[in-house]
Amino acid sequence: MRESAESIASAALDCRLRKQLGDFSLDISLSVPSSGVTALFGQSGSGKTSLLRLIAGLDRPDEGHVRLGSRTLTDRAKRLHVPIHRRRLGVVFQEARLFPHYRVRGNLTYGMAPSARRRFDDLVSLLGIESLLDRLPGTLSGGEARRVAIGRALLTEPELLLMDEPLTGLDGDRKQELLNYLVRMTRDIDIPIVYVSHDTAEIAAIADHLALVEKGRLIAHGPLDDLMMRLDLTDRLGGFDAATRLLARLDKHDDHYALSHVVLNDGQRLKVPRIDRPLGAQVRLRIGVRDVALAREMPSGTSYRNGLRASIDAIEPSPQSPSTVEVLLRLGDQRLRARLTREACDEMQLREGQSVIALIRSVAFDAQSR
């Protein structure tokens, strides 16, 4: 996939890499924006971790280059290869890889940049590891150990953070707990992150951009919300096609009904299950395509509590079934996707440009703080 000269110029990371690994061939060009989380997504064996290792300098490509900002880290043609400890990259593996004979504090300060000392307390608080500082790694749970590993990586003051499946192997509760920390962390730190995962729910919660990798090639790359709306990628994106996302601001809480009220960018309001975040916080709402119904006007006497005025951008055949259509809706500068039967679409005489009400059940929301 070819990137524009403008995107490369503004990228934090620019790489063009080829590597033959037995019968497997990796051939990828990728640029990573200077902010936010870029997720590398693909099935096991697609080349995600191999690409990450080449960026980190753990392996050398057969051809190509890796550039981070104005610095060249790898250039095969010039026989240039900066070692991993001089790349100013933070790397977090599936295993925490902590020093077993150092306490948590010692692991965090090992390799810490002098300028990071002033950030130590804030970062420890952000990751929720204050109570762990005097413990040895052998006494930590899997989620605790990975939070320490993330803290150690960030205290080296990297220009780019690489994360290779940091939630793999954790059980449901610990996985969700660490995911919540990661979402909070990515909101509060100001460095680009490359995040490797094959879990669609993980990526939907944390990522801003998506690079879809398949058999060692980059199939698609761009803002995650844009790719989730592309019907030609439905089969390749797996679970991503089941939902779309909206950004909103938390406006007030309703303690009696355990609800929160949020405001979208265009000023429309929604009621969602209570979100444990302070008022004014930005939240990302994940809405299932089958949890969106359409109406000409807001109906009375219905269990739907939320109705958003939207316009129809497009109506296209669904890749999922010949009996359904995909309706792409626009709400201000955001988009929403609904899946309807062809029969309902024809009976309502829906057409592009038409104004409709998108009916959404409150219970359909999966809110992730950003």
Protein backbone atom coordinates (compact mmCIF):
# COMPACT_ATOMS: atom_id res chain seq x y z
CA MET A 1 0.00 0.00 0.00
CA ARG A 2 1.49 3.33 -1.05
CA GLU A 3 1.44 6.26 1.37
CA SER A 4 1.32 9.88 0.18
CA ALA A 5 4.39 12.10 0.52
CA GLU A 6 2.40 14.37 2.83
CA SER A 7 1.47 11.53 5.21
CA ILE A 8 5.09 10.34 5.37
CA ALA A 9 6.36 13.85 6.06
CA SER A 10 3.99 14.21 9.02
CA ALA A 11 4.53 10.69 10.33
CA ALA A 12 6.34 9.83 13.55
CA LEU A 13 7.41 6.51 12.04
CA ASP A 14 8.07 5.68 8.41
CA CYS A 15 9.19 2.21 7.39
CA ARG A 16 9.54 0.23 4.19
CA LEU A 17 10.61 -3.30 4.98
CA ARG A 18 11.12 -6.65 3.31
CA LYS A 19 12.09 -9.82 5.12
CA GLN A 20 12.07 -13.49 4.11
CA LEU A 21 11.36 -15.78 7.05
CA GLY A 22 11.49 -19.35 5.74
CA ASP A 23 8.45 -19.75 3.49
CA PHE A 24 6.91 -16.51 4.82
CA SER A 25 7.55 -13.20 3.05
CA LEU A 26 7.03 -9.83 4.75
CA ASP A 27 6.76 -6.81 2.45
CA ILE A 28 5.22 -3.75 4.09
CA SER A 29 5.30 0.03 3.81
CA LEU A 30 3.83 1.78 6.86
CA SER A 31 3.70 5.30 8.23
CA VAL A 32 2.48 5.94 11.78
CA PRO A 33 0.93 9.32 12.76
CA SER A 34 2.69 11.47 15.34
CA SER A 35 -0.11 11.02 17.89
CA GLY A 36 -2.59 8.39 19.00
CA VAL A 37 -2.60 4.60 18.88
CA THR A 38 -1.99 2.73 15.62
CA ALA A 39 -3.07 -0.89 15.91
CA LEU A 40 -1.53 -3.64 13.80
CA PHE A 41 -4.39 -6.08 13.30
CA GLY A 42 -4.41 -9.47 11.63
CA GLN A 43 -4.70 -13.17 12.27
CA SER A 44 -1.93 -15.09 14.01
CA GLY A 45 0.93 -15.58 11.57
CA SER A 46 0.06 -12.52 9.47
CA GLY A 47 3.37 -10.80 10.24
CA LYS A 48 2.43 -8.30 12.97
CA THR A 49 5.08 -9.32 15.50
CA SER A 50 7.70 -9.77 12.78
CA LEU A 51 7.08 -6.18 11.69
CA LEU A 52 7.31 -4.95 15.28
CA ARG A 53 10.65 -6.72 15.79
CA LEU A 54 12.06 -5.09 12.66
CA ILE A 55 10.94 -1.64 13.85
CA ALA A 56 12.44 -2.28 17.30
CA GLY A 57 15.76 -3.39 15.81
CA LEU A 58 15.56 -6.91 17.24
CA ASP A 59 15.77 -8.27 13.68
CA ARG A 60 17.28 -6.83 10.52
CA PRO A 61 15.39 -6.58 7.22
CA ASP A 62 16.65 -7.96 3.93
CA GLU A 63 15.77 -4.62 2.32
CA GLY A 64 14.32 -1.31 3.42
CA HIS A 65 14.48 1.36 6.08
CA VAL A 66 13.01 2.52 9.40
CA ARG A 67 12.86 6.25 10.15
CA LEU A 68 11.63 7.82 13.39
CA GLY A 69 11.03 11.51 12.88
CA SER A 70 14.25 12.93 11.41
CA ARG A 71 16.38 9.96 12.58
CA THR A 72 17.15 6.91 10.47
CA LEU A 73 17.20 3.77 12.62
CA THR A 74 17.67 1.21 9.85
CA ASP A 75 18.77 1.62 6.24
CA ARG A 76 19.77 -1.62 4.61
CA ALA A 77 21.19 0.09 1.51
CA LYS A 78 23.51 2.22 3.68
CA ARG A 79 24.27 -0.69 6.05
CA LEU A 80 22.94 1.41 8.92
CA HIS A 81 21.41 -0.33 11.94
CA VAL A 82 21.01 1.54 15.24
CA PRO A 83 20.98 -0.95 18.17
CA ILE A 84 17.75 -1.28 20.14
CA HIS A 85 19.06 0.51 23.27
CA ARG A 86 19.85 3.64 21.23
CA ARG A 87 16.59 3.83 19.26
CA ARG A 88 14.61 5.69 21.95
CA LEU A 89 11.80 3.17 21.66
CA GLY A 90 9.77 1.71 24.50
CA VAL A 91 8.98 -1.94 23.91
CA VAL A 92 6.41 -3.97 25.87
CA PHE A 93 6.22 -7.71 25.11
CA GLN A 94 3.55 -10.30 25.89
CA GLU A 95 5.70 -11.34 28.86
CA ALA A 96 6.63 -8.62 31.36
CA ARG A 97 10.36 -9.60 31.37
CA LEU A 98 11.06 -7.89 34.70
CA PHE A 99 14.32 -8.35 36.58
CA PRO A 100 13.39 -10.95 39.22
CA HIS A 101 16.00 -9.79 41.79
CA TYR A 102 14.92 -6.11 41.63
CA ARG A 103 11.85 -4.83 43.42
CA VAL A 104 9.26 -2.99 41.38
CA ARG A 105 10.88 0.39 42.14
CA GLY A 106 14.22 -0.91 40.92
CA ASN A 107 12.67 -2.29 37.74
CA LEU A 108 11.02 1.05 37.04
CA THR A 109 14.19 3.09 37.58
CA TYR A 110 16.47 0.75 35.64
CA GLY A 111 17.37 2.66 32.49
CA MET A 112 15.19 5.61 33.55
CA ALA A 113 16.09 8.83 31.77
CA PRO A 114 17.28 11.55 34.20
CA SER A 115 14.62 13.89 32.84
CA ALA A 116 11.92 11.31 33.71
CA ARG A 117 12.46 11.58 37.48
CA ARG A 118 9.96 14.43 37.73
CA ARG A 119 7.34 12.21 36.04
CA PHE A 120 7.92 9.14 38.18
CA ASP A 121 5.17 9.73 40.75
CA ASP A 122 2.59 10.79 38.16
CA LEU A 123 3.27 7.76 35.98
CA VAL A 124 3.13 5.36 38.93
CA SER A 125 -0.23 6.88 39.87
CA LEU A 126 -1.50 6.71 36.27
CA LEU A 127 -0.74 2.98 36.11
CA GLY A 128 -2.07 2.31 39.62
CA ILE A 129 1.12 0.66 40.89
CA GLU A 130 1.87 2.81 43.98
CA SER A 131 1.25 -0.13 46.32
CA LEU A 132 3.56 -2.42 44.32
CA LEU A 133 6.81 -0.44 44.56
CA ASP A 134 8.40 -2.55 47.32
CA ARG A 135 7.31 -5.94 45.98
CA LEU A 136 9.35 -8.44 43.99
CA PRO A 137 8.15 -9.43 40.49
CA GLY A 138 7.46 -13.01 41.61
CA THR A 139 4.67 -11.77 43.87
CA LEU A 140 2.82 -9.85 41.15
CA SER A 141 -0.19 -10.98 39.13
CA GLY A 142 0.11 -11.06 35.35
CA GLY A 143 -1.73 -7.76 34.96
CA GLU A 144 0.33 -6.06 37.67
CA ALA A 145 3.60 -7.23 36.12
CA ARG A 146 2.60 -5.87 32.72
CA ARG A 147 1.66 -2.50 34.18
CA VAL A 148 5.14 -2.34 35.71
CA ALA A 149 6.68 -3.27 32.36
CA ILE A 150 4.71 -0.48 30.67
CA GLY A 151 5.87 1.98 33.33
CA ARG A 152 9.50 0.93 32.86
CA ALA A 153 9.21 1.44 29.11
CA LEU A 154 7.67 4.90 29.48
CA LEU A 155 10.29 6.07 32.02
CA THR A 156 13.00 5.70 29.38
CA GLU A 157 11.20 8.65 27.71
CA PRO A 158 10.77 6.94 24.33
CA GLU A 159 9.76 8.73 21.16
CA LEU A 160 7.57 5.75 20.20
CA LEU A 161 5.99 2.96 22.28
CA LEU A 162 5.69 -0.54 20.78
CA MET A 163 3.27 -2.95 22.46
CA ASP A 164 3.10 -6.60 21.38
CA GLU A 165 -0.19 -8.22 22.53
CA PRO A 166 0.10 -6.90 26.11
CA LEU A 167 -3.22 -8.47 27.18
CA THR A 168 -2.64 -11.97 25.82
CA GLY A 169 -2.98 -14.73 28.41
CA LEU A 170 -4.83 -12.67 31.03
CA ASP A 171 -8.20 -13.85 32.30
CA GLY A 172 -11.36 -11.81 31.77
CA ASP A 173 -11.28 -9.57 34.86
CA ARG A 174 -7.52 -8.92 34.76
CA LYS A 175 -7.64 -8.33 31.02
CA GLN A 176 -10.42 -5.76 31.37
CA GLU A 177 -8.63 -4.07 34.27
CA LEU A 178 -5.40 -3.68 32.29
CA LEU A 179 -7.31 -2.55 29.20
CA ASN A 180 -8.92 0.20 31.29
CA TYR A 181 -5.45 1.33 32.45
CA LEU A 182 -4.18 1.29 28.87
CA VAL A 183 -7.10 3.36 27.57
CA ARG A 184 -6.49 5.91 30.32
CA MET A 185 -2.74 5.92 29.68
CA THR A 186 -3.09 6.48 25.94
CA ARG A 187 -5.28 9.49 26.67
CA ASP A 188 -2.76 11.05 29.06
CA ILE A 189 0.63 10.45 27.41
CA ASP A 190 1.82 12.35 24.38
CA ILE A 191 3.77 9.82 22.29
CA PRO A 192 2.63 7.67 19.37
CA ILE A 193 1.94 4.00 20.10
CA VAL A 194 2.04 0.96 17.82
CA TYR A 195 -0.21 -1.71 19.35
CA VAL A 196 -0.23 -5.31 18.09
CA SER A 197 -3.37 -7.39 18.64
CA HIS A 198 -5.75 -9.82 16.94
CA ASP A 199 -8.58 -8.98 19.38
CA THR A 200 -11.20 -6.70 17.80
CA ALA A 201 -12.73 -5.61 21.13
CA GLU A 202 -9.30 -4.55 22.40
CA ILE A 203 -8.55 -2.51 19.32
CA ALA A 204 -12.02 -0.93 19.22
CA ALA A 205 -11.45 0.29 22.79
CA ILE A 206 -7.95 1.69 22.38
CA ALA A 207 -7.01 2.42 18.76
CA ASP A 208 -7.28 5.61 16.72
CA HIS A 209 -5.73 4.19 13.54
CA LEU A 210 -5.67 0.69 12.08
CA ALA A 211 -3.15 -1.11 9.89
CA LEU A 212 -4.67 -4.34 8.56
CA VAL A 213 -1.95 -6.95 7.94
CA GLU A 214 -2.58 -10.12 5.97
CA LYS A 215 0.03 -12.69 4.88
CA GLY A 216 2.89 -10.24 5.30
CA ARG A 217 1.20 -7.41 3.37
CA LEU A 218 -0.56 -4.20 4.40
CA ILE A 219 -4.13 -4.50 3.09
CA ALA A 220 -5.59 -1.24 4.46
CA HIS A 221 -4.42 1.61 6.67
CA GLY A 222 -6.18 4.66 8.07
CA PRO A 223 -8.39 6.00 10.89
CA LEU A 224 -10.16 3.06 12.52
CA ASP A 225 -13.58 4.70 12.30
CA ASP A 226 -13.18 5.14 8.54
CA LEU A 227 -12.11 1.53 8.01
CA MET A 228 -15.02 0.26 10.11
CA MET A 229 -17.37 1.95 7.63
CA ARG A 230 -15.80 0.30 4.57
CA LEU A 231 -18.03 -2.53 3.41
CA ASP A 232 -15.30 -3.96 1.16
CA LEU A 233 -13.31 -4.80 4.29
CA THR A 234 -16.15 -6.51 6.18
CA ASP A 235 -14.86 -10.05 5.73
CA ARG A 236 -11.27 -9.10 6.56
CA LEU A 237 -12.10 -7.00 9.63
CA GLY A 238 -13.93 -9.79 11.42
CA GLY A 239 -15.71 -8.43 14.49
CA PHE A 240 -15.14 -4.78 13.63
CA ASP A 241 -18.09 -4.72 11.24
CA ALA A 242 -20.47 -5.44 14.14
CA ALA A 243 -20.22 -1.91 15.57
CA THR A 244 -19.38 1.72 14.92
CA ARG A 245 -18.09 4.34 17.33
CA LEU A 246 -19.15 7.83 18.38
CA LEU A 247 -17.24 10.39 20.41
CA ALA A 248 -19.17 12.27 23.09
CA ARG A 249 -18.74 14.38 26.21
CA LEU A 250 -20.06 13.28 29.60
CA ASP A 251 -22.64 15.87 30.67
CA LYS A 252 -24.44 14.56 33.79
CA HIS A 253 -25.31 11.46 35.81
CA ASP A 254 -28.76 10.13 36.69
CA ASP A 255 -28.20 8.21 39.94
CA HIS A 256 -31.82 7.08 40.20
CA TYR A 257 -31.71 5.14 36.92
CA ALA A 258 -27.93 4.48 36.91
CA LEU A 259 -27.58 6.36 33.63
CA SER A 260 -25.22 8.98 32.26
CA HIS A 261 -26.16 11.71 29.78
CA VAL A 262 -23.65 12.46 27.03
CA VAL A 263 -23.49 15.12 24.32
CA LEU A 264 -22.28 14.36 20.79
CA ASN A 265 -20.15 16.74 18.74
CA ASP A 266 -23.24 18.05 16.94
CA GLY A 267 -25.03 18.82 20.23
CA GLN A 268 -27.42 15.85 20.24
CA ARG A 269 -27.84 14.05 23.53
CA LEU A 270 -27.91 10.38 24.54
CA LYS A 271 -28.63 8.38 27.69
CA VAL A 272 -26.21 5.51 28.31
CA PRO A 273 -25.48 3.12 31.19
CA ARG A 274 -23.65 5.02 33.91
CA ILE A 275 -20.01 5.80 33.06
CA ASP A 276 -17.69 6.10 36.04
CA ARG A 277 -15.84 9.17 34.77
CA PRO A 278 -15.91 12.84 35.82
CA LEU A 279 -18.30 15.23 34.11
CA GLY A 280 -16.75 16.81 31.05
CA ALA A 281 -14.68 13.71 30.19
CA GLN A 282 -14.63 12.54 26.61
CA VAL A 283 -16.01 9.06 26.03
CA ARG A 284 -16.04 6.76 23.03
CA LEU A 285 -19.34 4.92 22.50
CA ARG A 286 -19.39 1.58 20.67
CA ILE A 287 -22.77 0.87 19.08
CA GLY A 288 -23.74 -2.42 17.44
CA VAL A 289 -25.02 -2.12 13.88
CA ARG A 290 -27.98 -4.36 14.74
CA ASP A 291 -28.83 -2.13 17.72
CA VAL A 292 -29.73 0.76 15.41
CA ALA A 293 -33.24 1.01 13.94
CA LEU A 294 -34.52 3.75 11.65
CA ALA A 295 -37.73 5.79 11.71
CA ARG A 296 -39.09 8.78 9.85
CA GLU A 297 -40.01 10.47 13.16
CA MET A 298 -39.38 9.71 16.82
CA PRO A 299 -42.10 7.17 17.74
CA SER A 300 -44.14 7.28 20.95
CA GLY A 301 -44.86 4.32 23.20
CA THR A 302 -41.55 2.56 22.50
CA SER A 303 -38.77 1.18 24.68
CA TYR A 304 -36.17 3.04 22.61
CA ARG A 305 -34.86 5.87 24.78
CA ASN A 306 -32.48 7.46 22.27
CA GLY A 307 -33.23 8.97 18.89
CA LEU A 308 -30.60 10.77 16.84
CA ARG A 309 -31.45 12.87 13.83
CA ALA A 310 -29.22 11.79 10.96
CA SER A 311 -28.99 11.90 7.19
CA ILE A 312 -28.45 8.88 4.96
CA ASP A 313 -25.05 8.94 3.25
CA ALA A 314 -25.37 5.63 1.42
CA ILE A 315 -27.41 2.43 1.18
CA GLU A 316 -25.43 -0.59 -0.01
CA PRO A 317 -25.98 -4.36 -0.22
CA SER A 318 -24.72 -6.13 2.89
CA PRO A 319 -21.76 -8.50 2.51
CA GLN A 320 -23.31 -10.55 5.33
CA SER A 321 -26.60 -11.57 3.72
CA PRO A 322 -28.60 -10.98 0.51
CA SER A 323 -31.63 -10.15 2.66
CA THR A 324 -30.03 -7.13 4.36
CA VAL A 325 -28.61 -3.73 3.45
CA GLU A 326 -26.07 -1.50 5.16
CA VAL A 327 -27.20 2.08 5.79
CA LEU A 328 -24.42 4.61 6.40
CA LEU A 329 -25.63 7.59 8.39
CA ARG A 330 -24.10 11.00 9.06
CA LEU A 331 -24.45 12.87 12.37
CA GLY A 332 -22.56 16.14 12.04
CA ASP A 333 -18.92 15.19 11.48
CA GLN A 334 -19.43 11.60 12.68
CA ARG A 335 -20.92 8.54 11.02
CA LEU A 336 -23.04 5.64 12.19
CA ARG A 337 -23.83 2.31 10.55
CA ALA A 338 -27.11 0.38 10.64
CA ARG A 339 -28.07 -3.01 9.20
CA LEU A 340 -31.67 -3.37 8.01
CA THR A 341 -33.62 -5.92 6.02
CA ARG A 342 -34.07 -5.06 2.35
CA GLU A 343 -37.81 -5.36 2.90
CA ALA A 344 -37.81 -2.69 5.63
CA CYS A 345 -35.65 -0.41 3.51
CA ASP A 346 -38.03 -0.69 0.54
CA GLU A 347 -41.19 -0.28 2.62
CA MET A 348 -39.79 2.89 4.24
CA GLN A 349 -38.65 4.11 0.79
CA LEU A 350 -35.29 5.08 2.21
CA ARG A 351 -32.92 6.94 -0.10
CA GLU A 352 -29.60 8.77 0.06
CA GLY A 353 -29.80 12.30 1.45
CA GLN A 354 -32.99 11.56 3.39
CA SER A 355 -33.34 12.72 7.00
CA VAL A 356 -34.20 9.94 9.48
CA ILE A 357 -34.19 9.17 13.18
CA ALA A 358 -31.63 6.58 14.30
CA LEU A 359 -33.20 4.74 17.24
CA ILE A 360 -30.65 3.30 19.67
CA ARG A 361 -31.29 1.27 22.80
CA SER A 362 -29.46 2.59 25.90
CA VAL A 363 -28.31 -0.92 26.78
CA ALA A 364 -26.55 -1.23 23.41
CA PHE A 365 -23.71 1.09 24.38
CA ASP A 366 -20.25 -0.08 25.31
CA ALA A 367 -18.55 3.06 26.60
CA GLN A 368 -14.78 3.42 26.67
CA SER A 369 -13.20 6.52 28.17
CA ARG A 370 -10.71 8.49 26.09
